[in-house]
Amino acid sequence: MLIRSFARILAVMAISAGGFATQTAFAENIPLYESQETPGRWVAEGWKTDFSRATIPYWDVTDVIGRDNIPSIDEPKFEDVSNNIIIPGNEPVIGLELNGDARAYPLRIMMWHEIVNDNVGGVPVAVTFCPLCNTSIVFDRTIDGEAVTFGTSGKLRNSDLIMYDRPTQSWWQQFDGNALAGVHAGRKLKSYPSRLMSLDLFKQEYPDGKMLLPDPRRISQLGRNPYAGYDRTSQPFLFRGEMPEDINGMVRVILIQGSKPFAVALPRLSEDGSFSKDGLTFSWSAGQASALDTSRISDGRDVGNISVVDKNGNHVVHEITFAFAARAFIPDLEIIQ
């Protein structure tokens, strides 16, 4: 196998509606694996991905289910959050606000779809959630000036969702937005600040906000957690790596990625209420149920609401994930406990 390192290439620059600079850039110093043999099962599945380009060895991928068996929502519909009379206020939602457009994506819906291709405040975004890692991240879905849609590949890496873009069928890691295989291998999606928060807190902060309506394809499952007891287990589902030795692998951590990534363990933050590092302030408040505890989401134990802001009070990109996933993707990650 030939491994060729390539230097950083400047991002393809464009300006999206709403004034945000875009979009995908090439990540730094990622080795490119070439001349790998494409697994025959992927050929049989009819992928059009250019598997001659990859940033990972293919043995690192776990096949689980078929492509799009977990269906993305591509034509999302919303209602005023003030109209909600069904979802309990302690249930978690992914809260997103762009250009004055605030939207809530309940995890009771995201659990069964994992990706919502949306336009928020004039910005094409992919709102994503991987239940096995508890990661919710919002990506700009503009690539080379074109708004693309993403779907679920049915594959995992480190128990994290592998997405694919529909035009080129390149594979992308949900955990960090890095392209793993295909013509876009080595690129990285731009992400926007979003928050895992209770529905009550979203309504309090954004009383005029909108909330995602259920998709008819999975409406019978709403409110149910198919991974009952998952965030109390000793071994994450379909994870083949080593568990961390200095922290319970299923402890939630608040991860800040970048040139010097670090994470704060949830027990530390919930005990202190706030924490500051590198110009960022982490805050915790009670009121959000775990979506991965009991079989009915609203009965889950209180894991609280978290915000991360900079010195100007602006929310910053972060993710709330399990320690095992954070260390699997960033082995030398500092976790403050």
Foldseek 3Di string as FASTA:
>chain_A
DDKDWDAWDAADWDAFPQGDIDKKGFDGGQIWDAPADDPPVVVVLPFLFAQRTFSDHPVQKDAADAWCPLPEAEPWDKDQLVPDDDDDQQFKWKWDAGLRAIETETVLQCVRRQWYFDATNRFTWIFGAQVLWRWTWIFRQADSNDRWDKTWHNMDGQSFTWIATPPFRFTATPVFQATGTGPRHRMGTDTDFIWTGGSNVSCVVCVRHIYTDHDVVCVVRGQFQPQAQQLVDQDGPPGDDDADDPDRQSFKWKWDDDPQIAIETLVVCVVVQWDDDPQKIKGWDWRHFDCNHHRGRVPHDISTTMFIAGNVRHTDHIIITGNRSVCVVVVVHHYHD
